[in-house]
Amino acid sequence: MEKIKVSGNRFSTDITIPCYDTDASFRLKPAAFMDHAQEMAYLAAQALHFGYDDLQRHHTAWVLSRMRMDFLNPPKWTDETTLYTWHKGQDGLFFLRDFELRRQGDTDFADKSKALVLCTSSWIVMNVETRRLVRSDEVLNMVPATTQCPDNAIQTPCGKVAMPKNILAEEVGFHKAEYSDIDVLGHTNNARYVVWAMDSIDYNEVAGNPVKSISINFIKETKPEEVVRIFRSSEESDGQKTYYIEGRIEDRPCFCARIDF
């Protein structure tokens, strides 16, 4: 990732889409977008002095709780893009951060239809020693309102995602959290859950149909060597197919995703 720039409380960096972030149709993979977004979030927060190192001094860390990604015009291998991010302050228990991936040179933020990917995310602060939520009022003094940007990449924050009660979910596999899944906080990185969710769907269906939108809730952290059972259900309406994917550890949900094609 190149050096970040800032303008009007929006942070940005240029990204030339690499081959290892794309699928067999040359399109940017959803999990790869998440990788870039997470890194950009950390860099922007660091520049504003409420990043990883700043929170570590208080034995706390940012933890992604919810995310929605809308893939309007997914970029392809070698496309030159710019990833923008900005934070929107507090919303209840959450702190909101939005993202837009656009073609380099496109700064028409009023026209969302020209964006490649739109994304909104909701974050909490966790005590890394107790693994418990830190009350938002303890964090507010670190996140000044003057650094916010009021724009919405997606109008409303990501809501709760749950398996439909009227559709039978089938168990389609499991995943044991191993070395490649674990991040700097010692638990499964959020982007890995999207990998697991996408891989639970038949390859030909995923490869032949671009993803329109993904909403995902991160419910419980997954630690090394824990086994996550994967459950899947689906529904179809007006030509749009939707999958619901839930990971469970000993029957307790750890993530739930909705994937729209």
Protein backbone atom coordinates (compact mmCIF):
# COMPACT_ATOMS: atom_id res chain seq x y z
CA MET A 1 0.00 0.00 0.00
CA GLU A 2 1.33 3.41 -1.01
CA LYS A 3 1.67 6.43 1.26
CA ILE A 4 -1.66 7.77 2.52
CA LYS A 5 -2.91 11.28 1.72
CA VAL A 6 -5.56 13.37 3.47
CA SER A 7 -8.07 15.96 2.22
CA GLY A 8 -11.10 17.22 4.11
CA ASN A 9 -10.79 14.46 6.74
CA ARG A 10 -10.78 11.80 3.99
CA PHE A 11 -7.70 9.63 3.86
CA SER A 12 -6.71 7.95 0.61
CA THR A 13 -4.12 5.74 -0.99
CA ASP A 14 -3.60 4.56 -4.57
CA ILE A 15 -3.82 0.83 -5.26
CA THR A 16 -2.99 -0.94 -8.51
CA ILE A 17 -4.97 -4.17 -8.23
CA PRO A 18 -2.48 -7.08 -8.02
CA CYS A 19 -3.06 -10.52 -9.52
CA TYR A 20 -3.11 -12.27 -6.14
CA ASP A 21 -6.14 -10.21 -5.08
CA THR A 22 -8.28 -11.31 -8.03
CA ASP A 23 -10.25 -14.41 -9.01
CA ALA A 24 -10.30 -16.45 -12.23
CA SER A 25 -12.40 -13.71 -13.87
CA PHE A 26 -9.75 -11.11 -12.90
CA ARG A 27 -12.20 -9.43 -10.48
CA LEU A 28 -11.14 -8.16 -7.06
CA LYS A 29 -12.07 -10.73 -4.41
CA PRO A 30 -14.29 -9.51 -1.55
CA ALA A 31 -11.82 -10.68 1.09
CA ALA A 32 -9.01 -8.83 -0.70
CA PHE A 33 -11.01 -5.62 -0.53
CA MET A 34 -11.43 -6.25 3.20
CA ASP A 35 -7.69 -6.68 3.60
CA HIS A 36 -7.03 -3.28 2.01
CA ALA A 37 -9.86 -1.61 3.96
CA GLN A 38 -8.65 -2.90 7.31
CA GLU A 39 -5.09 -1.75 6.69
CA MET A 40 -6.33 1.64 5.52
CA ALA A 41 -8.48 1.98 8.65
CA TYR A 42 -5.49 1.33 10.89
CA LEU A 43 -3.28 3.78 8.99
CA ALA A 44 -5.89 6.54 9.05
CA ALA A 45 -6.56 6.04 12.76
CA GLN A 46 -2.83 6.08 13.43
CA ALA A 47 -2.46 9.39 11.59
CA LEU A 48 -5.19 10.83 13.84
CA HIS A 49 -3.51 9.51 17.01
CA PHE A 50 -6.12 6.91 17.92
CA GLY A 51 -4.54 4.00 16.09
CA TYR A 52 -3.15 0.62 17.15
CA ASP A 53 -0.13 1.94 19.05
CA ASP A 54 -2.16 4.67 20.79
CA LEU A 55 -4.78 2.21 22.05
CA GLN A 56 -2.18 -0.38 23.04
CA ARG A 57 -0.88 2.05 25.65
CA HIS A 58 -4.29 1.71 27.31
CA HIS A 59 -4.37 -2.10 26.79
CA THR A 60 -7.15 -1.70 24.23
CA ALA A 61 -7.62 -2.26 20.50
CA TRP A 62 -10.07 -1.52 17.72
CA VAL A 63 -12.16 -4.57 16.78
CA LEU A 64 -14.34 -4.73 13.68
CA SER A 65 -17.90 -5.72 14.62
CA ARG A 66 -19.98 -5.25 11.47
CA MET A 67 -19.30 -4.51 7.83
CA ARG A 68 -21.29 -4.10 4.63
CA MET A 69 -19.65 -4.01 1.20
CA ASP A 70 -21.52 -3.14 -2.02
CA PHE A 71 -19.67 -4.15 -5.18
CA LEU A 72 -21.00 -1.80 -7.86
CA ASN A 73 -18.23 -2.08 -10.47
CA PRO A 74 -15.57 -4.43 -9.09
CA PRO A 75 -12.10 -3.52 -10.40
CA LYS A 76 -9.95 -6.04 -12.21
CA TRP A 77 -6.30 -7.00 -12.27
CA THR A 78 -3.99 -4.02 -13.06
CA ASP A 79 -6.79 -1.44 -12.66
CA GLU A 80 -5.53 1.75 -11.04
CA THR A 81 -7.75 2.69 -8.12
CA THR A 82 -7.86 4.92 -5.05
CA LEU A 83 -9.20 3.74 -1.70
CA TYR A 84 -10.76 6.45 0.48
CA THR A 85 -11.74 6.20 4.13
CA TRP A 86 -13.11 8.50 6.81
CA HIS A 87 -14.57 8.09 10.26
CA LYS A 88 -18.06 9.30 11.22
CA GLY A 89 -17.86 9.25 15.00
CA GLN A 90 -20.03 7.36 17.46
CA ASP A 91 -23.33 5.57 16.84
CA GLY A 92 -24.51 3.90 20.03
CA LEU A 93 -21.94 1.29 21.02
CA PHE A 94 -20.16 1.59 17.69
CA PHE A 95 -17.70 3.91 16.00
CA LEU A 96 -18.42 4.19 12.27
CA ARG A 97 -15.92 4.24 9.41
CA ASP A 98 -16.78 4.30 5.69
CA PHE A 99 -14.78 3.44 2.58
CA GLU A 100 -15.02 4.05 -1.16
CA LEU A 101 -12.89 2.42 -3.83
CA ARG A 102 -12.81 4.54 -6.99
CA ARG A 103 -10.86 4.77 -10.20
CA GLN A 104 -7.82 6.99 -9.85
CA GLY A 105 -8.76 10.60 -10.52
CA ASP A 106 -12.46 10.14 -9.72
CA THR A 107 -13.33 12.43 -6.80
CA ASP A 108 -17.04 12.86 -7.56
CA PHE A 109 -18.11 11.65 -4.13
CA ALA A 110 -21.66 12.93 -4.67
CA ASP A 111 -22.20 10.34 -7.41
CA LYS A 112 -22.06 6.99 -5.64
CA SER A 113 -22.94 5.09 -8.83
CA LYS A 114 -19.43 5.80 -10.17
CA ALA A 115 -17.76 4.09 -7.22
CA LEU A 116 -16.25 0.63 -7.65
CA VAL A 117 -16.95 -0.52 -4.08
CA LEU A 118 -18.88 1.18 -1.28
CA CYS A 119 -18.42 0.07 2.31
CA THR A 120 -19.51 0.96 5.83
CA SER A 121 -18.08 -0.55 9.00
CA SER A 122 -18.85 -0.50 12.71
CA TRP A 123 -16.09 -0.84 15.30
CA ILE A 124 -15.87 -1.39 19.04
CA VAL A 125 -12.94 -1.07 21.42
CA MET A 126 -11.83 -4.20 23.29
CA ASN A 127 -9.62 -4.56 26.35
CA VAL A 128 -6.91 -6.92 25.07
CA GLU A 129 -6.27 -8.38 28.53
CA THR A 130 -9.86 -9.09 29.63
CA ARG A 131 -11.16 -9.48 26.01
CA ARG A 132 -14.16 -7.39 27.06
CA LEU A 133 -15.83 -4.38 25.45
CA VAL A 134 -14.62 -0.97 26.60
CA ARG A 135 -17.40 1.58 27.13
CA SER A 136 -17.55 4.13 24.33
CA ASP A 137 -17.39 7.11 26.68
CA GLU A 138 -13.91 5.97 27.72
CA VAL A 139 -12.78 6.29 24.10
CA LEU A 140 -14.54 9.47 23.03
CA ASN A 141 -11.81 11.81 24.24
CA MET A 142 -9.38 10.03 21.89
CA VAL A 143 -11.62 10.51 18.83
CA PRO A 144 -12.24 14.26 18.38
CA ALA A 145 -15.33 15.34 16.44
CA THR A 146 -13.21 17.75 14.39
CA THR A 147 -11.66 14.77 12.57
CA GLN A 148 -15.00 13.38 11.35
CA CYS A 149 -16.39 13.50 7.82
CA PRO A 150 -20.22 13.54 7.48
CA ASP A 151 -20.44 11.77 4.11
CA ASN A 152 -22.05 8.33 3.90
CA ALA A 153 -20.65 5.77 1.49
CA ILE A 154 -23.73 3.70 2.36
CA GLN A 155 -26.61 5.60 3.92
CA THR A 156 -27.21 3.38 6.96
CA PRO A 157 -24.76 1.38 9.10
CA CYS A 158 -24.57 -2.38 8.69
CA GLY A 159 -27.40 -3.96 10.67
CA LYS A 160 -27.73 -7.26 12.43
CA VAL A 161 -27.26 -10.34 10.24
CA ALA A 162 -28.88 -13.60 11.33
CA MET A 163 -29.81 -16.93 9.79
CA PRO A 164 -33.46 -16.91 8.60
CA LYS A 165 -35.67 -18.80 11.02
CA ASN A 166 -37.98 -20.08 8.28
CA ILE A 167 -35.22 -21.69 6.18
CA LEU A 168 -33.44 -24.88 7.22
CA ALA A 169 -29.66 -24.40 7.44
CA GLU A 170 -27.40 -27.26 6.42
CA GLU A 171 -23.96 -27.93 7.84
CA VAL A 172 -21.57 -27.73 4.89
CA GLY A 173 -18.14 -28.10 6.49
CA PHE A 174 -15.78 -26.84 9.14
CA HIS A 175 -12.59 -24.83 9.45
CA LYS A 176 -9.91 -25.07 12.10
CA ALA A 177 -8.31 -21.70 12.82
CA GLU A 178 -4.62 -22.04 12.01
CA TYR A 179 -1.52 -19.90 11.46
CA SER A 180 -2.71 -18.28 8.21
CA ASP A 181 -5.97 -17.14 9.84
CA ILE A 182 -4.54 -15.37 12.89
CA ASP A 183 -3.74 -11.65 13.02
CA VAL A 184 -1.88 -9.25 15.34
CA LEU A 185 -4.61 -9.48 17.99
CA GLY A 186 -4.14 -13.24 18.30
CA HIS A 187 -7.49 -14.18 16.78
CA THR A 188 -8.90 -14.93 13.34
CA ASN A 189 -8.69 -11.90 11.07
CA ASN A 190 -12.05 -10.61 9.88
CA ALA A 191 -11.26 -11.07 6.20
CA ARG A 192 -10.75 -14.80 6.78
CA TYR A 193 -14.41 -15.21 7.72
CA VAL A 194 -15.35 -13.84 4.29
CA VAL A 195 -12.99 -16.39 2.72
CA TRP A 196 -14.66 -19.20 4.69
CA ALA A 197 -18.14 -17.91 3.75
CA MET A 198 -17.35 -17.62 0.04
CA ASP A 199 -15.72 -21.05 0.00
CA SER A 200 -18.85 -22.63 1.49
CA ILE A 201 -20.77 -21.88 -1.73
CA ASP A 202 -20.43 -24.03 -4.85
CA TYR A 203 -17.42 -22.85 -6.85
CA ASN A 204 -19.20 -22.64 -10.21
CA GLU A 205 -21.91 -20.44 -8.74
CA VAL A 206 -19.45 -18.07 -7.08
CA ALA A 207 -17.11 -17.93 -10.07
CA GLY A 208 -19.92 -17.36 -12.56
CA ASN A 209 -21.88 -14.73 -10.65
CA PRO A 210 -20.28 -11.53 -9.33
CA VAL A 211 -21.11 -10.72 -5.73
CA LYS A 212 -23.37 -7.68 -5.40
CA SER A 213 -23.20 -7.16 -1.65
CA ILE A 214 -21.88 -8.74 1.55
CA SER A 215 -23.03 -7.89 5.07
CA ILE A 216 -21.25 -9.62 7.93
CA ASN A 217 -21.39 -9.56 11.72
CA PHE A 218 -18.39 -10.64 13.77
CA ILE A 219 -19.97 -12.07 16.91
CA LYS A 220 -17.30 -13.93 18.84
CA GLU A 221 -13.55 -14.07 18.31
CA THR A 222 -12.00 -17.32 17.07
CA LYS A 223 -8.70 -18.33 18.62
CA PRO A 224 -5.95 -20.60 17.24
CA GLU A 225 -6.95 -24.25 16.80
CA GLU A 226 -10.63 -23.65 17.51
CA VAL A 227 -12.90 -25.52 15.11
CA VAL A 228 -15.64 -23.51 13.41
CA ARG A 229 -18.59 -25.44 11.96
CA ILE A 230 -20.05 -23.77 8.86
CA PHE A 231 -23.81 -23.65 8.22
CA ARG A 232 -25.51 -22.38 5.06
CA SER A 233 -28.99 -21.51 3.88
CA SER A 234 -30.24 -19.67 0.81
CA GLU A 235 -33.27 -18.01 -0.72
CA GLU A 236 -34.13 -16.59 -4.13
CA SER A 237 -36.38 -13.65 -4.98
CA ASP A 238 -36.84 -11.63 -8.18
CA GLY A 239 -33.84 -13.30 -9.77
CA GLN A 240 -31.53 -12.47 -6.88
CA LYS A 241 -30.02 -15.28 -4.83
CA THR A 242 -28.98 -14.69 -1.25
CA TYR A 243 -26.84 -16.96 0.91
CA TYR A 244 -26.65 -16.86 4.69
CA ILE A 245 -23.48 -18.33 6.17
CA GLU A 246 -22.95 -18.84 9.89
CA GLY A 247 -19.90 -20.11 11.73
CA ARG A 248 -20.37 -21.80 15.09
CA ILE A 249 -18.02 -22.88 17.85
CA GLU A 250 -19.68 -25.49 20.05
CA ASP A 251 -23.10 -24.29 18.83
CA ARG A 252 -22.32 -20.63 19.62
CA PRO A 253 -22.26 -18.31 16.56
CA CYS A 254 -18.94 -16.58 15.90
CA PHE A 255 -19.89 -14.88 12.62
CA CYS A 256 -22.88 -14.56 10.31
CA ALA A 257 -22.75 -13.29 6.73
CA ARG A 258 -25.30 -12.44 4.08
CA ILE A 259 -24.04 -12.67 0.50
CA ASP A 260 -26.18 -11.31 -2.35
CA PHE A 261 -25.59 -12.32 -5.97
